[in-house]
């Protein structure tokens, strides 16, 4: 019965597997205040145990902000989200634009390799998802930074709007 349930959530299962493979479960469990074996069971789709929302939050915090599990849960619902860093820690606007462009180009190069090979391995899929998530994160940071800059300088924002309207955009 659980196997049938698990097959309905491939994104969640994949996220659990990736998270478990990239972290020391004993350390994460200790930091999250959980029993290590129970955490392993809750990340194993063949076990009947499931994570609660409070545990998911604790695990994300214990893993220093690894969003893999949240991404898997949200993607299973047809949603996605990105963490927006504190403004003081965000790189300059020019750096963000260049970094975002590089990440998107890298994503395109990875996708081209997959198309040329005619098949997708689990590692390639994980790399593509990671690259796409990083690119979306960069875009969200860029959008936030632009919004903050133009909100801070209303006259510049108005001038930009007037220029857009004059250009017919």
C-alpha atoms as a PDB file:
ATOM      1  CA  UNK A   1       0.000   0.000   0.000  1.00  0.00           C
ATOM      2  CA  UNK A   2       2.790   2.463   0.850  1.00  0.00           C
ATOM      3  CA  UNK A   3       4.633   1.627  -2.373  1.00  0.00           C
ATOM      4  CA  UNK A   4       1.580   2.747  -4.335  1.00  0.00           C
ATOM      5  CA  UNK A   5       1.474   5.993  -2.310  1.00  0.00           C
ATOM      6  CA  UNK A   6       5.192   6.598  -2.800  1.00  0.00           C
ATOM      7  CA  UNK A   7       4.962   6.228  -6.571  1.00  0.00           C
ATOM      8  CA  UNK A   8       2.550   9.179  -6.644  1.00  0.00           C
ATOM      9  CA  UNK A   9       5.229  11.555  -5.321  1.00  0.00           C
ATOM     10  CA  UNK A  10       8.387  11.072  -7.397  1.00  0.00           C
ATOM     11  CA  UNK A  11       9.676  14.610  -6.729  1.00  0.00           C
ATOM     12  CA  UNK A  12       9.444  14.131  -2.971  1.00  0.00           C
ATOM     13  CA  UNK A  13      11.119  10.722  -3.141  1.00  0.00           C
ATOM     14  CA  UNK A  14      13.921  12.098  -5.290  1.00  0.00           C
ATOM     15  CA  UNK A  15      14.414  15.026  -2.897  1.00  0.00           C
ATOM     16  CA  UNK A  16      14.584  12.671   0.105  1.00  0.00           C
ATOM     17  CA  UNK A  17      17.151  10.491  -1.652  1.00  0.00           C
ATOM     18  CA  UNK A  18      19.301  13.470  -2.696  1.00  0.00           C
ATOM     19  CA  UNK A  19      19.143  14.995   0.779  1.00  0.00           C
ATOM     20  CA  UNK A  20      20.062  11.711   2.502  1.00  0.00           C
ATOM     21  CA  UNK A  21      22.945  11.132   0.069  1.00  0.00           C
ATOM     22  CA  UNK A  22      24.442  14.579   0.608  1.00  0.00           C
ATOM     23  CA  UNK A  23      24.301  14.801   4.415  1.00  0.00           C
ATOM     24  CA  UNK A  24      25.399  12.861   7.466  1.00  0.00           C
ATOM     25  CA  UNK A  25      22.023  11.807   8.858  1.00  0.00           C
ATOM     26  CA  UNK A  26      23.358  11.300  12.399  1.00  0.00           C
ATOM     27  CA  UNK A  27      24.639  14.886  12.542  1.00  0.00           C
ATOM     28  CA  UNK A  28      21.494  16.378  11.015  1.00  0.00           C
ATOM     29  CA  UNK A  29      19.261  14.356  13.338  1.00  0.00           C
ATOM     30  CA  UNK A  30      21.242  15.432  16.392  1.00  0.00           C
ATOM     31  CA  UNK A  31      21.050  19.125  15.420  1.00  0.00           C
ATOM     32  CA  UNK A  32      17.321  18.784  14.664  1.00  0.00           C
ATOM     33  CA  UNK A  33      16.633  16.982  17.943  1.00  0.00           C
ATOM     34  CA  UNK A  34      15.610  13.718  16.294  1.00  0.00           C
ATOM     35  CA  UNK A  35      16.609  10.089  16.539  1.00  0.00           C
ATOM     36  CA  UNK A  36      19.005   9.346  13.612  1.00  0.00           C
ATOM     37  CA  UNK A  37      17.294   6.069  12.691  1.00  0.00           C
ATOM     38  CA  UNK A  38      13.884   7.715  12.755  1.00  0.00           C
ATOM     39  CA  UNK A  39      15.171  10.437  10.404  1.00  0.00           C
ATOM     40  CA  UNK A  40      16.545   7.789   8.037  1.00  0.00           C
ATOM     41  CA  UNK A  41      13.169   6.017   8.116  1.00  0.00           C
ATOM     42  CA  UNK A  42      11.265   9.225   7.438  1.00  0.00           C
ATOM     43  CA  UNK A  43      13.424   9.901   4.374  1.00  0.00           C
ATOM     44  CA  UNK A  44      12.976   6.343   3.089  1.00  0.00           C
ATOM     45  CA  UNK A  45       9.868   5.957   0.881  1.00  0.00           C
ATOM     46  CA  UNK A  46       9.688   2.250   1.762  1.00  0.00           C
ATOM     47  CA  UNK A  47       8.991   3.110   5.407  1.00  0.00           C
ATOM     48  CA  UNK A  48       5.582   4.201   6.701  1.00  0.00           C
ATOM     49  CA  UNK A  49       7.024   7.113   8.708  1.00  0.00           C
ATOM     50  CA  UNK A  50       6.607  10.618   7.270  1.00  0.00           C
ATOM     51  CA  UNK A  51       8.122  13.987   8.117  1.00  0.00           C
ATOM     52  CA  UNK A  52       5.974  16.594   9.804  1.00  0.00           C
ATOM     53  CA  UNK A  53       6.163  20.231   8.785  1.00  0.00           C
ATOM     54  CA  UNK A  54       7.905  21.089  12.069  1.00  0.00           C
ATOM     55  CA  UNK A  55      10.494  18.357  11.424  1.00  0.00           C
ATOM     56  CA  UNK A  56      10.999  19.579   7.858  1.00  0.00           C
ATOM     57  CA  UNK A  57      11.728  23.070   9.165  1.00  0.00           C
ATOM     58  CA  UNK A  58      14.075  21.733  11.870  1.00  0.00           C
ATOM     59  CA  UNK A  59      15.946  19.570   9.343  1.00  0.00           C
ATOM     60  CA  UNK A  60      16.316  22.479   6.911  1.00  0.00           C
ATOM     61  CA  UNK A  61      17.735  24.653   9.688  1.00  0.00           C
ATOM     62  CA  UNK A  62      19.976  21.826  10.951  1.00  0.00           C
ATOM     63  CA  UNK A  63      21.369  21.347   7.447  1.00  0.00           C
ATOM     64  CA  UNK A  64      22.342  25.031   7.289  1.00  0.00           C
ATOM     65  CA  UNK A  65      19.501  25.929   4.951  1.00  0.00           C
ATOM     66  CA  UNK A  66      19.578  23.022   2.487  1.00  0.00           C
ATOM     67  CA  UNK A  67      16.284  23.529   0.620  1.00  0.00           C
ATOM     68  CA  UNK A  68      16.255  20.164  -1.160  1.00  0.00           C
ATOM     69  CA  UNK A  69      13.339  18.735   0.820  1.00  0.00           C
ATOM     70  CA  UNK A  70      11.239  21.889   0.518  1.00  0.00           C
ATOM     71  CA  UNK A  71      11.985  22.027  -3.214  1.00  0.00           C
ATOM     72  CA  UNK A  72      10.850  18.412  -3.644  1.00  0.00           C
ATOM     73  CA  UNK A  73       7.642  18.972  -1.692  1.00  0.00           C
ATOM     74  CA  UNK A  74       6.786  22.169  -3.542  1.00  0.00           C
ATOM     75  CA  UNK A  75       7.683  20.753  -6.961  1.00  0.00           C
ATOM     76  CA  UNK A  76       5.331  17.852  -6.257  1.00  0.00           C
ATOM     77  CA  UNK A  77       2.582  20.480  -5.928  1.00  0.00           C
ATOM     78  CA  UNK A  78       3.620  22.246  -9.125  1.00  0.00           C
ATOM     79  CA  UNK A  79       5.252  25.092  -7.201  1.00  0.00           C
ATOM     80  CA  UNK A  80       8.728  26.383  -6.610  1.00  0.00           C
ATOM     81  CA  UNK A  81      10.308  28.873  -4.242  1.00  0.00           C
ATOM     82  CA  UNK A  82      13.684  30.454  -3.681  1.00  0.00           C
ATOM     83  CA  UNK A  83      15.303  31.871  -0.593  1.00  0.00           C
ATOM     84  CA  UNK A  84      15.985  35.573  -0.737  1.00  0.00           C
ATOM     85  CA  UNK A  85      19.136  36.490   1.171  1.00  0.00           C
ATOM     86  CA  UNK A  86      19.422  39.432   3.479  1.00  0.00           C
ATOM     87  CA  UNK A  87      20.070  42.581   1.467  1.00  0.00           C
ATOM     88  CA  UNK A  88      23.355  43.239   3.275  1.00  0.00           C
ATOM     89  CA  UNK A  89      24.732  39.903   2.075  1.00  0.00           C
ATOM     90  CA  UNK A  90      23.576  40.222  -1.529  1.00  0.00           C
ATOM     91  CA  UNK A  91      26.254  40.925  -4.154  1.00  0.00           C
ATOM     92  CA  UNK A  92      26.205  44.089  -6.252  1.00  0.00           C
ATOM     93  CA  UNK A  93      23.578  44.461  -8.943  1.00  0.00           C
ATOM     94  CA  UNK A  94      26.164  44.188 -11.732  1.00  0.00           C
ATOM     95  CA  UNK A  95      27.590  41.020 -10.181  1.00  0.00           C
ATOM     96  CA  UNK A  96      24.091  39.535  -9.918  1.00  0.00           C
ATOM     97  CA  UNK A  97      23.337  40.192 -13.584  1.00  0.00           C
ATOM     98  CA  UNK A  98      26.625  38.643 -14.734  1.00  0.00           C
ATOM     99  CA  UNK A  99      26.256  35.654 -12.394  1.00  0.00           C
ATOM    100  CA  UNK A 100      22.654  35.040 -13.484  1.00  0.00           C
ATOM    101  CA  UNK A 101      23.664  35.174 -17.157  1.00  0.00           C
ATOM    102  CA  UNK A 102      26.488  32.695 -16.518  1.00  0.00           C
ATOM    103  CA  UNK A 103      24.191  30.305 -14.644  1.00  0.00           C
ATOM    104  CA  UNK A 104      21.559  30.360 -17.382  1.00  0.00           C
ATOM    105  CA  UNK A 105      24.236  29.783 -20.032  1.00  0.00           C
ATOM    106  CA  UNK A 106      25.619  26.877 -18.009  1.00  0.00           C
ATOM    107  CA  UNK A 107      22.124  25.429 -17.714  1.00  0.00           C
ATOM    108  CA  UNK A 108      21.744  25.666 -21.481  1.00  0.00           C
ATOM    109  CA  UNK A 109      25.068  23.890 -22.007  1.00  0.00           C
ATOM    110  CA  UNK A 110      24.055  21.070 -19.638  1.00  0.00           C
ATOM    111  CA  UNK A 111      20.675  20.703 -21.349  1.00  0.00           C
ATOM    112  CA  UNK A 112      22.363  20.558 -24.759  1.00  0.00           C
ATOM    113  CA  UNK A 113      24.611  17.702 -23.573  1.00  0.00           C
ATOM    114  CA  UNK A 114      21.566  15.785 -22.353  1.00  0.00           C
ATOM    115  CA  UNK A 115      19.738  16.308 -25.651  1.00  0.00           C
ATOM    116  CA  UNK A 116      22.784  15.214 -27.652  1.00  0.00           C
ATOM    117  CA  UNK A 117      23.258  12.066 -25.557  1.00  0.00           C
ATOM    118  CA  UNK A 118      19.609  11.076 -25.980  1.00  0.00           C
ATOM    119  CA  UNK A 119      19.196   9.977 -22.374  1.00  0.00           C
ATOM    120  CA  UNK A 120      19.230  11.477 -18.911  1.00  0.00           C
ATOM    121  CA  UNK A 121      21.045   9.860 -16.024  1.00  0.00           C
ATOM    122  CA  UNK A 122      20.028  10.478 -12.427  1.00  0.00           C
ATOM    123  CA  UNK A 123      23.182  12.540 -11.934  1.00  0.00           C
ATOM    124  CA  UNK A 124      22.482  14.669 -15.009  1.00  0.00           C
ATOM    125  CA  UNK A 125      18.902  15.238 -13.903  1.00  0.00           C
ATOM    126  CA  UNK A 126      20.074  16.290 -10.437  1.00  0.00           C
ATOM    127  CA  UNK A 127      22.679  18.614 -11.967  1.00  0.00           C
ATOM    128  CA  UNK A 128      20.083  20.201 -14.278  1.00  0.00           C
ATOM    129  CA  UNK A 129      17.602  20.681 -11.441  1.00  0.00           C
ATOM    130  CA  UNK A 130      20.342  22.173  -9.263  1.00  0.00           C
ATOM    131  CA  UNK A 131      21.478  24.538 -12.009  1.00  0.00           C
ATOM    132  CA  UNK A 132      17.907  25.608 -12.798  1.00  0.00           C
ATOM    133  CA  UNK A 133      17.153  26.183  -9.112  1.00  0.00           C
ATOM    134  CA  UNK A 134      20.314  28.267  -8.730  1.00  0.00           C
ATOM    135  CA  UNK A 135      19.389  30.323 -11.810  1.00  0.00           C
ATOM    136  CA  UNK A 136      15.862  30.916 -10.468  1.00  0.00           C
ATOM    137  CA  UNK A 137      17.341  31.922  -7.138  1.00  0.00           C
ATOM    138  CA  UNK A 138      19.620  34.408  -8.845  1.00  0.00           C
ATOM    139  CA  UNK A 139      16.695  35.846 -10.787  1.00  0.00           C
ATOM    140  CA  UNK A 140      14.647  36.225  -7.593  1.00  0.00           C
ATOM    141  CA  UNK A 141      17.555  37.976  -5.894  1.00  0.00           C
ATOM    142  CA  UNK A 142      18.002  40.232  -8.923  1.00  0.00           C
ATOM    143  CA  UNK A 143      14.300  41.110  -8.977  1.00  0.00           C
ATOM    144  CA  UNK A 144      14.335  41.863  -5.252  1.00  0.00           C
ATOM    145  CA  UNK A 145      17.431  44.033  -5.531  1.00  0.00           C
ATOM    146  CA  UNK A 146      16.034  46.003  -8.479  1.00  0.00           C
ATOM    147  CA  UNK A 147      12.765  46.487  -6.617  1.00  0.00           C
ATOM    148  CA  UNK A 148      14.594  47.763  -3.523  1.00  0.00           C
ATOM    149  CA  UNK A 149      16.806  50.109  -5.541  1.00  0.00           C
ATOM    150  CA  UNK A 150      13.932  51.662  -7.475  1.00  0.00           C
ATOM    151  CA  UNK A 151      11.752  51.944  -4.381  1.00  0.00           C
ATOM    152  CA  UNK A 152      14.584  53.771  -2.638  1.00  0.00           C
ATOM    153  CA  UNK A 153      14.921  56.269  -5.496  1.00  0.00           C
ATOM    154  CA  UNK A 154      11.359  57.138  -6.619  1.00  0.00           C
ATOM    155  CA  UNK A 155      12.455  59.765  -9.130  1.00  0.00           C
ATOM    156  CA  UNK A 156      14.690  57.230 -10.901  1.00  0.00           C
ATOM    157  CA  UNK A 157      11.806  54.760 -10.921  1.00  0.00           C
ATOM    158  CA  UNK A 158       9.504  57.355 -12.474  1.00  0.00           C
ATOM    159  CA  UNK A 159      12.156  58.280 -15.036  1.00  0.00           C
ATOM    160  CA  UNK A 160      12.531  54.611 -15.988  1.00  0.00           C
ATOM    161  CA  UNK A 161       8.757  54.243 -16.387  1.00  0.00           C
ATOM    162  CA  UNK A 162       8.611  57.359 -18.587  1.00  0.00           C
ATOM    163  CA  UNK A 163      11.508  56.069 -20.713  1.00  0.00           C
ATOM    164  CA  UNK A 164       9.767  52.706 -21.159  1.00  0.00           C
ATOM    165  CA  UNK A 165       6.521  54.361 -22.196  1.00  0.00           C
ATOM    166  CA  UNK A 166       8.362  56.586 -24.673  1.00  0.00           C
ATOM    167  CA  UNK A 167      10.105  53.544 -26.155  1.00  0.00           C
ATOM    168  CA  UNK A 168       6.775  51.756 -26.524  1.00  0.00           C
ATOM    169  CA  UNK A 169       7.742  48.921 -24.150  1.00  0.00           C
END
